[in-house]
Amino acid sequence: MFDSEFRIWISTARERYSFVKSLLKRSVNDPESEPYKSKYEAKDILLKLVSDIEKWKSRDNLLIIHCLFRYKLGVISLETEELSAGCEYLTSSWEDIQNFARKPECCVLALSILNQLGILWCERGENEKGCTYLEEAENIYYQYKETNETIPYSLDDLFSIETGTARNWSTFEDIFTHTLYYLAQVYEHLKKNDKAAKYCHMTLKRQKESGKYKANSWAINCATLSQYYVQEKKYIEARHLLSCSSSILSAYEKEVEQDAENEDTLEELRRSKAEVAWCWLKYCLNLLLDPPSASETDSKNDIITDFVLFRAEDVICMEKEVSACINSFEDARHVFLFAQNQILTVKSYYTLNHHANNHVQLVRDHSKLYKSLSTYESDLGRKCKMHKRSVDLLEGVLSKLNPQYYLAVCRQLMFELGETYYEMVDLKLKLSQSSTEGLSIRVVKKINCLIMHSIKHFENFSNFVKNRDGTFPEALSDDLVRPVLVAHFYLGGLYSKLIECDTNKKLHNLSKSEEYYKFILNYIEKNPSDASSIEKELPVVKEMVELMPQKIMYITGSTIF
């Protein structure tokens, strides 16, 4: 009779648990006025099941079902913002199951509990504690795979342990993929960037192999991961990730085109393509600015075998199209042209009218692309032309922005324009020295014109930092200290570079130069803690101020005779 009563209860419990699952599924459709209606109903049923199960504690496998109910209660509590109760349910279920966590009946439930505990503690700001739970889940997975060939029971199988049901590995593998994903996030928060990248890569690979991923999200995550490897100068790995990302998006685009009426999907695809293209642009920029040595590239060729996410024809073609090293101007030019094509894709989505800040950042990157290519060019004239393209881009977008609404962006553009024109001045001076024309009237006018452009942009930048009464703040904010002081350093140098025959103009320019240099010294005297922000330039400033009286005496003295 006791067994008969138990079989009736277990059958009823199975039906009630099945109803709990259906309630949780339909909870997404609960009204806004009662957002947790279905979850609360499911919670009440689970609480009754937990209470009823006390009668059957001595039965085999019932401990597992008891832990399952408390796990579900824990998840519902977290989702209904009852964090303390959720933590209590999850912790108690883990304490009861941990000694059996490596058994086929328990390992899926154990990983599920540990994943939730890991997330919970990380959301509470205790990343180390959360990481401990997730690493325990990882250990259980690997130990089980090494020592056990029995297919684990999924959570839905736990009511059928005695009767036996057809099972597969997919649930266990999917839950572990989530473990790796959570670990990647935790390691990033813990500043363990190498580990974070490794676990993110493992997650992407497992998702691709299982086929359980959303193309847009997968592609964006893959492209985002590439930027870590770019910063580490691991361009072969970064290129592979970006090629895989582009491949997935290309295949997804063909699917989406068949459903052209879904505007939201098309919009999401356009944004994803733009973001991946921008990651390609960042790859090219960094490669041009900081290429690996030939020995570094050679030593990494064998790493790619273990790093491969998947091999498809378009992935292989793209990896061949884009270099991972630069040994000549032609290599640099090829990377530059590839980046230009990516810019077109990004620009088609991030327009000035709809995404002003993103559009401006894109223009700045485009400008940097020309300047980075110029470092591989030996001809000074062509270098100047590349810098000219750079300033044309920056001035073009600056003229379309209202500083009242885009003050920070306008400051950035003004400063970059001042710097670029400054570099053009140096290039023109070098060019005049190597030219038979020398410092002709035409060349002098050109150099002075470039100097005045640089002065204009640096002074505009400075003016947009000043108070309304035209004075600078007594102490500049951290993000403005170095830019403002460096702008004054440039201005001091620029006024002294102006080429003039008239003595009064020479003296005026030296006076302006001294004024800008002394501003730096006076500011540092009042704010000595900011001296480190201009550590390299400060000795030069002091020397220039000390030499200024001699320069003035030399000019005035030379006119007497």
Protein backbone atom coordinates (compact mmCIF):
# COMPACT_ATOMS: atom_id res chain seq x y z
CA MET A 1 0.00 0.00 0.00
CA PHE A 2 2.87 2.32 0.86
CA ASP A 3 4.45 1.71 -2.57
CA SER A 4 1.11 2.23 -4.28
CA GLU A 5 0.62 5.51 -2.44
CA PHE A 6 4.14 6.61 -3.43
CA ARG A 7 3.55 5.77 -7.10
CA ILE A 8 0.37 7.85 -7.04
CA TRP A 9 2.24 10.75 -5.43
CA ILE A 10 5.20 10.58 -7.82
CA SER A 11 2.82 10.49 -10.80
CA THR A 12 0.92 13.50 -9.43
CA ALA A 13 4.17 15.29 -8.63
CA ARG A 14 5.35 14.72 -12.20
CA GLU A 15 2.16 16.27 -13.56
CA ARG A 16 2.37 19.23 -11.17
CA TYR A 17 6.03 19.77 -12.06
CA SER A 18 5.10 19.68 -15.74
CA PHE A 19 2.47 22.33 -15.03
CA VAL A 20 5.13 24.42 -13.26
CA LYS A 21 7.23 24.35 -16.43
CA SER A 22 4.29 25.43 -18.56
CA LEU A 23 3.56 28.28 -16.14
CA LEU A 24 7.17 29.48 -16.39
CA LYS A 25 7.02 29.38 -20.18
CA ARG A 26 3.86 31.47 -20.36
CA SER A 27 5.12 33.95 -17.73
CA VAL A 28 6.55 36.07 -20.53
CA ASN A 29 2.98 36.97 -21.47
CA ASP A 30 1.94 38.07 -17.98
CA PRO A 31 0.34 41.55 -17.87
CA GLU A 32 2.46 44.53 -16.83
CA SER A 33 0.22 45.03 -13.81
CA GLU A 34 1.08 41.51 -12.60
CA PRO A 35 4.48 40.71 -14.12
CA TYR A 36 5.16 37.77 -11.81
CA LYS A 37 1.68 36.24 -11.75
CA SER A 38 2.64 32.92 -13.39
CA LYS A 39 5.93 32.67 -11.51
CA TYR A 40 4.21 33.16 -8.17
CA GLU A 41 1.71 30.45 -9.10
CA ALA A 42 4.55 28.11 -10.04
CA LYS A 43 6.33 28.95 -6.80
CA ASP A 44 3.26 27.99 -4.72
CA ILE A 45 3.07 24.61 -6.44
CA LEU A 46 6.78 23.98 -5.85
CA LEU A 47 6.49 24.92 -2.17
CA LYS A 48 3.69 22.35 -1.78
CA LEU A 49 5.81 19.74 -3.55
CA VAL A 50 8.76 20.46 -1.24
CA SER A 51 6.45 20.11 1.76
CA ASP A 52 4.94 16.84 0.48
CA ILE A 53 8.29 15.27 -0.30
CA GLU A 54 9.25 15.17 3.39
CA LYS A 55 7.05 12.06 3.72
CA TRP A 56 9.12 10.14 1.18
CA LYS A 57 12.65 11.15 2.22
CA SER A 58 13.84 7.57 2.53
CA ARG A 59 13.12 6.74 -1.12
CA ASP A 60 16.06 6.41 -3.53
CA ASN A 61 16.60 9.38 -5.87
CA LEU A 62 14.11 11.53 -3.99
CA LEU A 63 16.90 13.71 -2.63
CA ILE A 64 17.70 14.68 -6.22
CA ILE A 65 14.08 15.63 -6.92
CA HIS A 66 14.00 17.58 -3.64
CA CYS A 67 17.10 19.50 -4.82
CA LEU A 68 15.47 20.03 -8.22
CA PHE A 69 12.40 21.64 -6.64
CA ARG A 70 14.58 23.93 -4.48
CA TYR A 71 16.72 24.81 -7.50
CA LYS A 72 13.60 25.88 -9.37
CA LEU A 73 12.42 27.84 -6.32
CA GLY A 74 15.82 29.53 -6.20
CA VAL A 75 15.66 30.57 -9.85
CA ILE A 76 12.09 31.87 -9.51
CA SER A 77 13.08 33.82 -6.38
CA LEU A 78 15.96 35.48 -8.23
CA GLU A 79 13.72 36.34 -11.16
CA THR A 80 11.11 37.87 -8.83
CA GLU A 81 13.81 39.93 -7.06
CA GLU A 82 13.78 37.88 -3.84
CA LEU A 83 17.54 37.52 -3.80
CA SER A 84 18.03 36.33 -0.21
CA ALA A 85 15.41 33.60 -0.57
CA GLY A 86 16.89 32.60 -3.93
CA CYS A 87 20.36 32.37 -2.46
CA GLU A 88 19.06 30.23 0.42
CA TYR A 89 17.25 27.76 -1.88
CA LEU A 90 20.23 27.42 -4.22
CA THR A 91 22.79 27.08 -1.42
CA SER A 92 20.80 24.42 0.43
CA SER A 93 20.22 22.42 -2.75
CA TRP A 94 23.95 22.58 -3.56
CA GLU A 95 24.92 21.48 -0.05
CA ASP A 96 22.68 18.42 -0.34
CA ILE A 97 23.78 17.41 -3.82
CA GLN A 98 27.49 18.26 -3.89
CA ASN A 99 28.65 14.82 -2.70
CA PHE A 100 26.75 13.21 -5.61
CA ALA A 101 27.49 15.93 -8.20
CA ARG A 102 29.60 13.63 -10.40
CA LYS A 103 26.88 10.99 -10.79
CA PRO A 104 24.81 10.75 -14.00
CA GLU A 105 21.63 11.58 -12.07
CA CYS A 106 23.07 14.72 -10.51
CA CYS A 107 25.72 16.36 -12.71
CA VAL A 108 23.32 18.41 -14.90
CA LEU A 109 21.44 19.67 -11.85
CA ALA A 110 24.75 20.38 -10.06
CA LEU A 111 26.04 22.50 -12.95
CA SER A 112 22.71 24.34 -13.16
CA ILE A 113 22.80 25.17 -9.44
CA LEU A 114 26.45 26.27 -9.54
CA ASN A 115 25.85 28.48 -12.59
CA GLN A 116 23.03 30.27 -10.79
CA LEU A 117 25.08 30.70 -7.61
CA GLY A 118 27.96 32.06 -9.68
CA ILE A 119 25.72 34.62 -11.38
CA LEU A 120 24.07 35.57 -8.09
CA TRP A 121 27.30 36.34 -6.26
CA CYS A 122 28.79 38.19 -9.22
CA GLU A 123 25.69 40.38 -9.43
CA ARG A 124 26.18 41.12 -5.73
CA GLY A 125 29.66 42.38 -6.58
CA GLU A 126 31.49 39.38 -5.09
CA ASN A 127 33.18 38.20 -8.26
CA GLU A 128 35.76 36.04 -6.51
CA LYS A 129 33.04 34.06 -4.72
CA GLY A 130 30.97 33.78 -7.88
CA CYS A 131 34.03 32.60 -9.76
CA THR A 132 34.58 29.83 -7.19
CA TYR A 133 31.15 28.34 -7.89
CA LEU A 134 31.64 28.54 -11.66
CA GLU A 135 35.08 26.96 -11.48
CA GLU A 136 33.59 24.14 -9.40
CA ALA A 137 31.06 23.58 -12.19
CA GLU A 138 33.93 23.46 -14.67
CA ASN A 139 35.77 20.87 -12.56
CA ILE A 140 32.69 18.66 -12.29
CA TYR A 141 32.21 18.77 -16.07
CA TYR A 142 35.78 17.75 -16.90
CA GLN A 143 35.94 15.08 -14.19
CA TYR A 144 32.68 13.56 -15.36
CA LYS A 145 33.79 13.51 -19.00
CA GLU A 146 37.08 11.87 -18.06
CA THR A 147 35.65 9.16 -15.81
CA ASN A 148 32.12 8.44 -16.99
CA GLU A 149 30.66 7.30 -20.31
CA THR A 150 27.06 7.26 -19.08
CA ILE A 151 24.88 9.96 -20.60
CA PRO A 152 23.81 12.35 -17.81
CA TYR A 153 20.17 12.84 -16.89
CA SER A 154 18.65 16.18 -17.84
CA LEU A 155 16.40 17.98 -15.36
CA ASP A 156 13.36 16.66 -17.25
CA ASP A 157 14.68 13.08 -16.95
CA LEU A 158 14.82 13.07 -13.15
CA PHE A 159 11.25 11.80 -12.75
CA SER A 160 12.05 8.91 -15.12
CA ILE A 161 15.25 7.53 -13.58
CA GLU A 162 13.62 4.29 -12.50
CA THR A 163 11.83 3.65 -15.81
CA GLY A 164 14.66 4.80 -18.05
CA THR A 165 14.33 7.14 -21.03
CA ALA A 166 16.27 7.88 -24.18
CA ARG A 167 18.86 10.53 -23.40
CA ASN A 168 21.69 12.47 -25.11
CA TRP A 169 24.65 14.62 -24.12
CA SER A 170 23.32 17.90 -25.48
CA THR A 171 21.79 19.27 -22.24
CA PHE A 172 24.98 18.64 -20.27
CA GLU A 173 27.09 20.22 -23.01
CA ASP A 174 24.79 23.24 -23.37
CA ILE A 175 24.83 23.97 -19.63
CA PHE A 176 28.62 23.76 -19.61
CA THR A 177 28.77 26.20 -22.53
CA HIS A 178 26.85 28.63 -20.32
CA THR A 179 29.39 27.98 -17.54
CA LEU A 180 32.22 28.97 -19.88
CA TYR A 181 30.31 32.07 -20.98
CA TYR A 182 29.78 33.18 -17.37
CA LEU A 183 33.43 32.48 -16.52
CA ALA A 184 34.51 34.68 -19.43
CA GLN A 185 32.49 37.57 -17.98
CA VAL A 186 33.78 37.01 -14.44
CA TYR A 187 37.43 36.84 -15.52
CA GLU A 188 36.95 40.12 -17.37
CA HIS A 189 35.60 41.74 -14.19
CA LEU A 190 38.56 40.30 -12.27
CA LYS A 191 40.93 41.88 -14.84
CA LYS A 192 42.15 38.43 -15.91
CA ASN A 193 41.96 39.40 -19.55
CA ASP A 194 43.92 36.44 -20.95
CA LYS A 195 41.56 34.01 -19.26
CA ALA A 196 38.51 36.02 -20.25
CA ALA A 197 39.57 35.90 -23.92
CA LYS A 198 40.33 32.18 -23.71
CA TYR A 199 36.92 31.34 -22.23
CA CYS A 200 35.10 33.62 -24.64
CA HIS A 201 36.84 31.81 -27.51
CA MET A 202 35.87 28.42 -26.04
CA THR A 203 32.26 29.58 -25.76
CA LEU A 204 32.14 30.76 -29.37
CA LYS A 205 33.66 27.52 -30.63
CA ARG A 206 31.21 25.35 -28.71
CA GLN A 207 28.25 27.46 -29.84
CA LYS A 208 29.33 27.16 -33.47
CA GLU A 209 29.88 23.40 -33.22
CA SER A 210 26.50 22.84 -31.55
CA GLY A 211 24.69 25.14 -33.97
CA LYS A 212 22.90 26.77 -31.02
CA TYR A 213 23.56 30.48 -31.48
CA LYS A 214 22.04 33.63 -32.93
CA ALA A 215 24.03 34.70 -35.97
CA ASN A 216 24.01 38.42 -35.16
CA SER A 217 25.07 37.98 -31.54
CA TRP A 218 27.68 35.36 -32.39
CA ALA A 219 29.24 37.55 -35.08
CA ILE A 220 29.36 40.62 -32.83
CA ASN A 221 30.86 38.66 -29.93
CA CYS A 222 33.44 37.13 -32.24
CA ALA A 223 34.39 40.52 -33.71
CA THR A 224 34.54 42.06 -30.24
CA LEU A 225 36.89 39.31 -29.07
CA SER A 226 39.15 40.06 -32.04
CA GLN A 227 39.87 43.50 -30.57
CA TYR A 228 41.55 41.93 -27.54
CA TYR A 229 43.92 40.05 -29.83
CA VAL A 230 44.51 43.21 -31.87
CA GLN A 231 45.62 45.02 -28.71
CA GLU A 232 47.92 42.09 -27.93
CA LYS A 233 49.40 42.33 -31.45
CA LYS A 234 48.14 38.81 -32.19
CA TYR A 235 46.97 39.76 -35.64
CA ILE A 236 46.70 36.22 -37.03
CA GLU A 237 44.22 35.28 -34.32
CA ALA A 238 42.34 38.57 -34.67
CA ARG A 239 42.10 38.15 -38.44
CA HIS A 240 40.70 34.64 -38.05
CA LEU A 241 38.02 35.83 -35.62
CA LEU A 242 37.01 38.68 -37.90
CA SER A 243 36.93 36.39 -40.94
CA CYS A 244 34.65 33.97 -39.08
CA SER A 245 32.45 36.86 -37.96
CA SER A 246 32.10 38.13 -41.54
CA SER A 247 31.37 34.62 -42.80
CA ILE A 248 28.52 34.09 -40.33
CA LEU A 249 26.99 37.48 -41.15
CA SER A 250 27.25 36.83 -44.87
CA ALA A 251 25.36 33.55 -44.53
CA TYR A 252 22.80 35.19 -42.24
CA GLU A 253 22.29 38.01 -44.75
CA LYS A 254 21.24 35.50 -47.41
CA GLU A 255 18.63 34.09 -45.01
CA VAL A 256 17.33 37.53 -44.09
CA GLU A 257 17.01 38.63 -47.72
CA GLN A 258 14.36 35.94 -48.18
CA ASP A 259 12.29 37.67 -45.49
CA ALA A 260 12.67 41.25 -46.69
CA GLU A 261 9.46 42.35 -44.98
CA ASN A 262 11.00 42.04 -41.51
CA GLU A 263 12.40 45.56 -41.18
CA ASP A 264 13.62 45.07 -37.60
CA THR A 265 15.72 42.08 -38.64
CA LEU A 266 17.17 43.98 -41.58
CA GLU A 267 18.01 46.95 -39.35
CA GLU A 268 19.75 44.67 -36.86
CA LEU A 269 21.71 43.08 -39.68
CA ARG A 270 22.82 46.47 -41.05
CA ARG A 271 24.02 47.48 -37.59
CA SER A 272 25.88 44.20 -37.11
CA LYS A 273 27.60 44.52 -40.49
CA ALA A 274 28.65 48.06 -39.60
CA GLU A 275 30.05 46.98 -36.22
CA VAL A 276 32.01 44.07 -37.70
CA ALA A 277 33.34 46.32 -40.47
CA TRP A 278 34.44 48.82 -37.82
CA CYS A 279 36.31 46.06 -36.00
CA TRP A 280 38.06 45.30 -39.30
CA LEU A 281 38.95 48.99 -39.56
CA LYS A 282 40.42 48.92 -36.03
CA TYR A 283 42.40 45.84 -37.01
CA CYS A 284 43.86 47.63 -40.04
CA LEU A 285 44.59 50.80 -38.09
CA ASN A 286 46.44 48.98 -35.34
CA LEU A 287 48.31 46.83 -37.83
CA LEU A 288 49.51 49.94 -39.67
CA LEU A 289 50.42 51.82 -36.48
CA ASP A 290 51.99 48.93 -34.58
CA PRO A 291 52.85 46.02 -36.91
CA PRO A 292 54.47 42.86 -35.55
CA SER A 293 58.01 42.03 -36.50
CA ALA A 294 58.62 39.27 -39.03
CA SER A 295 59.92 36.98 -36.28
CA GLU A 296 56.79 37.56 -34.18
CA THR A 297 54.55 36.66 -37.10
CA ASP A 298 56.54 33.54 -37.99
CA SER A 299 56.50 32.26 -34.41
CA LYS A 300 52.70 32.49 -34.25
CA ASN A 301 51.85 30.61 -37.43
CA ASP A 302 51.56 27.28 -35.62
CA ILE A 303 49.17 28.67 -32.97
CA ILE A 304 46.33 29.12 -35.43
CA THR A 305 45.65 25.36 -35.68
CA ASP A 306 44.33 25.15 -32.12
CA PHE A 307 42.66 28.52 -32.44
CA VAL A 308 40.45 27.75 -35.45
CA LEU A 309 36.73 28.25 -34.82
CA PHE A 310 35.69 26.76 -38.14
CA ARG A 311 37.01 26.44 -41.67
CA ALA A 312 34.87 27.65 -44.55
CA GLU A 313 35.91 28.70 -48.03
CA ASP A 314 35.04 32.37 -47.47
CA VAL A 315 36.96 32.39 -44.16
CA ILE A 316 40.09 31.08 -45.89
CA CYS A 317 39.69 33.60 -48.74
CA MET A 318 39.32 36.53 -46.40
CA GLU A 319 42.36 35.50 -44.37
CA LYS A 320 44.34 35.48 -47.62
CA GLU A 321 42.96 38.87 -48.63
CA VAL A 322 44.08 40.70 -45.50
CA SER A 323 47.68 40.67 -44.31
CA ALA A 324 48.68 40.02 -40.70
CA CYS A 325 52.06 41.74 -41.10
CA ILE A 326 53.55 44.66 -43.04
CA ASN A 327 56.94 44.51 -44.68
CA SER A 328 56.66 47.25 -47.31
CA PHE A 329 54.67 50.25 -48.47
CA GLU A 330 52.75 48.00 -50.84
CA ASP A 331 51.68 45.80 -47.91
CA ALA A 332 50.58 48.92 -46.04
CA ARG A 333 48.71 50.24 -49.07
CA HIS A 334 46.85 46.95 -49.48
CA VAL A 335 45.73 47.06 -45.82
CA PHE A 336 44.76 50.72 -46.27
CA LEU A 337 42.56 49.96 -49.29
CA PHE A 338 40.88 47.07 -47.49
CA ALA A 339 40.16 49.41 -44.58
CA GLN A 340 38.70 52.01 -46.97
CA ASN A 341 36.14 49.44 -48.12
CA GLN A 342 35.20 48.70 -44.51
CA ILE A 343 34.67 52.42 -43.90
CA LEU A 344 32.06 52.52 -46.66
CA THR A 345 30.10 49.79 -44.88
CA VAL A 346 30.33 51.53 -41.51
CA LYS A 347 29.45 54.93 -42.96
CA SER A 348 26.33 53.58 -44.66
CA TYR A 349 24.87 52.85 -41.22
CA TYR A 350 26.46 55.42 -38.91
CA THR A 351 25.37 58.58 -40.70
CA LEU A 352 25.86 62.04 -39.26
CA ASN A 353 22.11 62.70 -39.09
CA HIS A 354 21.20 59.54 -37.18
CA HIS A 355 24.38 58.60 -35.28
CA ALA A 356 26.37 61.82 -34.92
CA ASN A 357 28.87 60.68 -32.26
CA ASN A 358 29.58 57.39 -34.00
CA HIS A 359 29.92 59.13 -37.35
CA VAL A 360 32.45 61.60 -35.97
CA GLN A 361 34.47 58.78 -34.40
CA LEU A 362 34.46 57.01 -37.76
CA VAL A 363 35.76 60.16 -39.48
CA ARG A 364 38.52 60.40 -36.86
CA ASP A 365 39.49 56.79 -37.54
CA HIS A 366 39.45 57.50 -41.28
CA SER A 367 41.74 60.45 -40.67
CA LYS A 368 44.10 58.28 -38.62
CA LEU A 369 44.12 55.76 -41.46
CA TYR A 370 45.67 58.32 -43.84
CA LYS A 371 48.20 59.40 -41.23
CA SER A 372 49.14 55.81 -40.45
CA LEU A 373 49.69 55.05 -44.13
CA SER A 374 51.94 58.11 -44.38
CA THR A 375 54.43 56.52 -41.96
CA TYR A 376 55.29 53.98 -44.69
CA GLU A 377 55.68 56.63 -47.38
CA SER A 378 59.24 57.91 -47.96
CA ASP A 379 58.29 60.71 -50.36
CA LEU A 380 57.70 63.87 -48.30
CA GLY A 381 55.39 65.38 -50.90
CA ARG A 382 53.07 62.37 -50.85
CA LYS A 383 53.22 62.36 -47.04
CA CYS A 384 51.91 65.94 -47.08
CA LYS A 385 49.08 64.97 -49.42
CA MET A 386 48.02 62.16 -47.07
CA HIS A 387 47.99 64.60 -44.16
CA LYS A 388 45.94 66.99 -46.31
CA ARG A 389 43.33 64.26 -46.87
CA SER A 390 43.31 63.73 -43.13
CA VAL A 391 42.61 67.39 -42.30
CA ASP A 392 39.99 67.62 -45.06
CA LEU A 393 38.05 64.82 -43.39
CA LEU A 394 38.27 66.39 -39.94
CA GLU A 395 37.47 69.94 -41.06
CA GLY A 396 34.58 68.63 -43.15
CA VAL A 397 32.81 67.05 -40.20
CA LEU A 398 33.76 69.84 -37.75
CA SER A 399 32.05 72.42 -39.97
CA LYS A 400 28.78 70.47 -39.65
CA LEU A 401 28.74 70.29 -35.85
CA ASN A 402 27.33 72.80 -33.40
CA PRO A 403 29.68 73.09 -30.39
CA GLN A 404 26.70 73.93 -28.21
CA TYR A 405 25.50 70.32 -28.59
CA TYR A 406 28.74 68.52 -29.38
CA LEU A 407 31.29 70.40 -27.29
CA ALA A 408 33.50 67.44 -26.32
CA VAL A 409 33.55 66.11 -29.88
CA CYS A 410 34.39 69.53 -31.33
CA ARG A 411 37.27 69.91 -28.87
CA GLN A 412 38.68 66.55 -29.97
CA LEU A 413 38.46 67.50 -33.63
CA MET A 414 40.06 70.92 -33.07
CA PHE A 415 42.96 69.39 -31.15
CA GLU A 416 43.54 66.70 -33.79
CA LEU A 417 43.44 69.29 -36.54
CA GLY A 418 45.98 71.42 -34.68
CA GLU A 419 48.28 68.40 -34.34
CA THR A 420 47.91 67.34 -37.97
CA TYR A 421 48.65 70.82 -39.30
CA TYR A 422 51.65 70.95 -36.94
CA GLU A 423 52.96 67.73 -38.50
CA MET A 424 52.40 69.20 -41.97
CA VAL A 425 54.51 72.21 -40.99
CA ASP A 426 57.43 69.96 -40.09
CA LEU A 427 57.01 68.01 -43.33
CA LYS A 428 57.02 71.20 -45.41
CA LEU A 429 60.13 72.46 -43.61
CA LYS A 430 61.93 69.19 -44.30
CA LEU A 431 60.73 69.27 -47.89
CA SER A 432 62.08 72.80 -48.36
CA GLN A 433 65.48 71.72 -47.03
CA SER A 434 65.72 68.90 -49.59
CA SER A 435 64.33 70.99 -52.45
CA THR A 436 66.37 73.14 -54.84
CA GLU A 437 63.69 75.82 -54.42
CA GLY A 438 64.58 76.17 -50.73
CA LEU A 439 62.64 78.73 -48.68
CA SER A 440 61.22 80.69 -51.60
CA ILE A 441 58.48 83.25 -51.10
CA ARG A 442 55.90 80.68 -52.27
CA VAL A 443 57.19 78.03 -49.84
CA VAL A 444 57.34 80.52 -46.94
CA LYS A 445 53.72 81.55 -47.58
CA LYS A 446 52.68 77.91 -47.64
CA ILE A 447 54.50 77.13 -44.37
CA ASN A 448 53.13 80.21 -42.63
CA CYS A 449 49.64 79.34 -43.87
CA LEU A 450 49.92 75.84 -42.35
CA ILE A 451 51.21 77.32 -39.09
CA MET A 452 48.28 79.72 -38.89
CA HIS A 453 45.83 76.86 -39.52
CA SER A 454 47.41 74.92 -36.67
CA ILE A 455 47.34 77.99 -34.40
CA LYS A 456 43.68 78.62 -35.27
CA HIS A 457 42.59 75.13 -34.29
CA PHE A 458 44.64 74.99 -31.08
CA GLU A 459 43.37 78.42 -30.04
CA ASN A 460 39.78 77.44 -30.84
CA PHE A 461 40.27 74.34 -28.74
CA SER A 462 41.59 76.45 -25.85
CA ASN A 463 38.77 78.97 -26.16
CA PHE A 464 36.19 76.21 -25.80
CA VAL A 465 37.77 75.22 -22.48
CA LYS A 466 37.68 78.72 -21.01
CA ASN A 467 35.05 80.07 -18.67
CA ARG A 468 32.42 82.48 -19.96
CA ASP A 469 34.54 85.45 -18.88
CA GLY A 470 37.35 84.28 -21.15
CA THR A 471 39.62 82.92 -18.38
CA PHE A 472 40.76 79.37 -17.79
CA PRO A 473 39.55 77.47 -14.73
CA GLU A 474 41.97 77.62 -11.80
CA ALA A 475 42.23 73.84 -11.99
CA LEU A 476 41.42 71.86 -15.13
CA SER A 477 39.53 68.56 -15.02
CA ASP A 478 41.60 65.39 -15.37
CA ASP A 479 40.49 64.78 -18.95
CA LEU A 480 41.50 68.30 -20.03
CA VAL A 481 44.78 68.93 -18.15
CA ARG A 482 47.14 67.35 -20.64
CA PRO A 483 45.30 68.43 -23.82
CA VAL A 484 45.18 72.08 -22.71
CA LEU A 485 48.82 72.19 -21.59
CA VAL A 486 50.03 70.38 -24.72
CA ALA A 487 47.98 72.74 -26.88
CA HIS A 488 49.83 75.65 -25.24
CA PHE A 489 53.11 73.83 -25.78
CA TYR A 490 52.32 73.49 -29.48
CA LEU A 491 51.21 77.12 -29.70
CA GLY A 492 54.45 78.30 -28.14
CA GLY A 493 56.39 76.36 -30.76
CA LEU A 494 54.17 77.41 -33.65
CA TYR A 495 54.56 81.15 -33.05
CA SER A 496 58.33 80.76 -32.95
CA LYS A 497 58.24 78.87 -36.28
CA LEU A 498 56.52 81.66 -38.20
CA ILE A 499 58.90 83.01 -40.85
CA GLU A 500 58.91 86.81 -40.91
CA CYS A 501 61.24 89.52 -42.22
CA ASP A 502 59.66 92.37 -40.29
CA THR A 503 61.32 92.86 -36.87
CA ASN A 504 58.14 93.97 -35.13
CA LYS A 505 56.33 90.88 -36.34
CA LYS A 506 59.21 88.69 -35.16
CA LEU A 507 59.08 90.28 -31.73
CA HIS A 508 55.31 89.93 -31.61
CA ASN A 509 55.57 86.23 -32.44
CA LEU A 510 58.25 85.66 -29.77
CA SER A 511 56.08 87.46 -27.26
CA LYS A 512 53.14 85.20 -28.08
CA SER A 513 55.41 82.18 -27.86
CA GLU A 514 56.62 83.27 -24.41
CA GLU A 515 53.03 83.92 -23.32
CA TYR A 516 51.96 80.35 -24.10
CA TYR A 517 55.03 78.78 -22.49
CA LYS A 518 54.59 80.87 -19.35
CA PHE A 519 50.94 79.83 -19.10
CA ILE A 520 52.14 76.24 -18.65
CA LEU A 521 54.65 77.19 -15.94
CA ASN A 522 52.14 79.36 -14.09
CA TYR A 523 49.50 76.65 -14.20
CA ILE A 524 51.89 73.98 -12.88
CA GLU A 525 53.03 76.35 -10.13
CA LYS A 526 49.41 76.66 -8.97
CA ASN A 527 48.62 72.98 -9.58
CA PRO A 528 51.89 71.08 -8.93
CA SER A 529 50.10 67.72 -8.84
CA ASP A 530 49.38 68.11 -12.58
CA ALA A 531 53.07 68.35 -13.50
CA SER A 532 53.16 64.63 -14.32
CA SER A 533 50.64 65.18 -17.11
CA ILE A 534 53.23 67.15 -19.09
CA GLU A 535 56.36 65.53 -17.76
CA LYS A 536 58.13 65.16 -21.12
CA GLU A 537 57.41 68.66 -22.37
CA LEU A 538 58.04 70.58 -19.14
CA PRO A 539 61.88 70.69 -19.36
CA VAL A 540 61.62 72.03 -22.91
CA VAL A 541 59.15 74.71 -21.78
CA LYS A 542 61.49 75.88 -19.01
CA GLU A 543 64.41 76.01 -21.40
CA MET A 544 62.41 78.00 -23.98
CA VAL A 545 61.39 80.58 -21.37
CA GLU A 546 64.98 80.92 -20.17
CA LEU A 547 66.24 81.43 -23.73
CA MET A 548 63.52 83.90 -24.72
CA PRO A 549 65.32 87.10 -23.49
CA GLN A 550 68.40 86.14 -25.53
CA LYS A 551 66.29 85.59 -28.65
CA ILE A 552 64.60 88.97 -28.21
CA MET A 553 67.98 90.68 -27.64
CA TYR A 554 69.38 89.00 -30.74
CA ILE A 555 66.53 90.26 -32.92
CA THR A 556 66.53 93.79 -31.51
CA GLY A 557 70.34 93.92 -31.56
CA SER A 558 70.56 92.82 -35.18
CA THR A 559 68.39 95.74 -36.28
CA ILE A 560 70.64 98.40 -34.71
CA PHE A 561 73.33 97.82 -37.23
